[in-house]
Amino acid sequence: MKQFEYQILSYPMDKKTSLITMQEDLNARGQDGWEVVSVSTSEFAHIGHTAFLKRETRLVDERDA
């Protein structure tokens, strides 16, 4: 059975380059195996975005332990 870990990231849109910064950060996390599951507008992040990510974790088989 697959198992996942999750991250929730907030990106306030308070600078002109905020979308570029968000894209660069998500691309870097993608190289570490993270996948964006959803993005929503976040009122409590100063009208920014909240990104929800997941990545598969390696399930330790009892035979490997």
C-alpha atoms as a PDB file:
ATOM      1  CA  MET A   1       0.000   0.000   0.000  1.00  0.00           C
ATOM      2  CA  LYS A   2       1.314   3.445  -0.879  1.00  0.00           C
ATOM      3  CA  GLN A   3       1.827   6.006   1.863  1.00  0.00           C
ATOM      4  CA  PHE A   4       2.188   9.753   1.444  1.00  0.00           C
ATOM      5  CA  GLU A   5       3.399  12.743   3.397  1.00  0.00           C
ATOM      6  CA  TYR A   6       1.909  16.186   2.898  1.00  0.00           C
ATOM      7  CA  GLN A   7       2.911  19.860   3.011  1.00  0.00           C
ATOM      8  CA  ILE A   8       0.756  22.993   3.075  1.00  0.00           C
ATOM      9  CA  LEU A   9       2.515  26.154   1.888  1.00  0.00           C
ATOM     10  CA  SER A  10       1.291  29.769   1.900  1.00  0.00           C
ATOM     11  CA  TYR A  11       2.469  32.321  -0.637  1.00  0.00           C
ATOM     12  CA  PRO A  12       1.376  35.901   0.146  1.00  0.00           C
ATOM     13  CA  MET A  13       1.078  37.998  -3.009  1.00  0.00           C
ATOM     14  CA  ASP A  14       2.656  41.158  -1.665  1.00  0.00           C
ATOM     15  CA  LYS A  15       5.425  41.665  -4.226  1.00  0.00           C
ATOM     16  CA  LYS A  16       5.463  41.981  -7.993  1.00  0.00           C
ATOM     17  CA  THR A  17       7.640  38.882  -8.303  1.00  0.00           C
ATOM     18  CA  SER A  18       5.574  36.705  -5.946  1.00  0.00           C
ATOM     19  CA  LEU A  19       4.237  34.397  -8.692  1.00  0.00           C
ATOM     20  CA  ILE A  20       7.745  33.850 -10.026  1.00  0.00           C
ATOM     21  CA  THR A  21       8.979  33.098  -6.489  1.00  0.00           C
ATOM     22  CA  MET A  22       6.093  30.666  -5.971  1.00  0.00           C
ATOM     23  CA  GLN A  23       6.848  28.906  -9.261  1.00  0.00           C
ATOM     24  CA  GLU A  24      10.563  28.605  -8.477  1.00  0.00           C
ATOM     25  CA  ASP A  25       9.832  27.224  -5.000  1.00  0.00           C
ATOM     26  CA  LEU A  26       7.316  24.664  -6.292  1.00  0.00           C
ATOM     27  CA  ASN A  27       9.720  23.573  -9.058  1.00  0.00           C
ATOM     28  CA  ALA A  28      12.484  23.050  -6.478  1.00  0.00           C
ATOM     29  CA  ARG A  29      10.139  20.984  -4.305  1.00  0.00           C
ATOM     30  CA  GLY A  30       9.110  18.985  -7.386  1.00  0.00           C
ATOM     31  CA  GLN A  31      12.722  17.970  -7.862  1.00  0.00           C
ATOM     32  CA  ASP A  32      12.569  16.574  -4.315  1.00  0.00           C
ATOM     33  CA  GLY A  33       9.574  14.423  -5.237  1.00  0.00           C
ATOM     34  CA  TRP A  34       6.767  16.738  -4.122  1.00  0.00           C
ATOM     35  CA  GLU A  35       3.648  16.998  -6.314  1.00  0.00           C
ATOM     36  CA  VAL A  36       1.155  19.872  -6.181  1.00  0.00           C
ATOM     37  CA  VAL A  37      -2.286  18.445  -5.477  1.00  0.00           C
ATOM     38  CA  SER A  38      -4.227  21.714  -5.273  1.00  0.00           C
ATOM     39  CA  VAL A  39      -3.808  25.493  -5.080  1.00  0.00           C
ATOM     40  CA  SER A  40      -6.375  27.847  -3.588  1.00  0.00           C
ATOM     41  CA  THR A  41      -6.696  31.561  -2.976  1.00  0.00           C
ATOM     42  CA  SER A  42      -6.071  32.262   0.676  1.00  0.00           C
ATOM     43  CA  GLU A  43      -7.756  35.155   2.434  1.00  0.00           C
ATOM     44  CA  PHE A  44      -5.644  34.646   5.571  1.00  0.00           C
ATOM     45  CA  ALA A  45      -2.364  34.791   3.625  1.00  0.00           C
ATOM     46  CA  HIS A  46      -2.922  38.432   2.677  1.00  0.00           C
ATOM     47  CA  ILE A  47      -4.799  37.526  -0.516  1.00  0.00           C
ATOM     48  CA  GLY A  48      -2.225  35.018  -1.615  1.00  0.00           C
ATOM     49  CA  HIS A  49      -2.217  31.359  -2.506  1.00  0.00           C
ATOM     50  CA  THR A  50      -2.044  28.170  -0.495  1.00  0.00           C
ATOM     51  CA  ALA A  51      -0.506  25.127  -2.181  1.00  0.00           C
ATOM     52  CA  PHE A  52      -1.134  21.567  -1.044  1.00  0.00           C
ATOM     53  CA  LEU A  53       1.616  19.066  -1.890  1.00  0.00           C
ATOM     54  CA  LYS A  54       2.170  15.352  -1.412  1.00  0.00           C
ATOM     55  CA  ARG A  55       4.943  12.872  -2.017  1.00  0.00           C
ATOM     56  CA  GLU A  56       5.126   9.158  -1.681  1.00  0.00           C
ATOM     57  CA  THR A  57       7.069   7.797   1.251  1.00  0.00           C
ATOM     58  CA  ARG A  58       8.898   4.513   1.120  1.00  0.00           C
ATOM     59  CA  LEU A  59       6.966   1.891   3.008  1.00  0.00           C
ATOM     60  CA  VAL A  60       9.409  -0.166   5.068  1.00  0.00           C
ATOM     61  CA  ASP A  61       8.742  -3.836   4.491  1.00  0.00           C
ATOM     62  CA  GLU A  62       9.203  -5.970   7.598  1.00  0.00           C
ATOM     63  CA  ARG A  63      11.518  -8.197   5.557  1.00  0.00           C
ATOM     64  CA  ASP A  64      13.810  -5.187   4.948  1.00  0.00           C
ATOM     65  CA  ALA A  65      14.039  -4.299   8.663  1.00  0.00           C
END
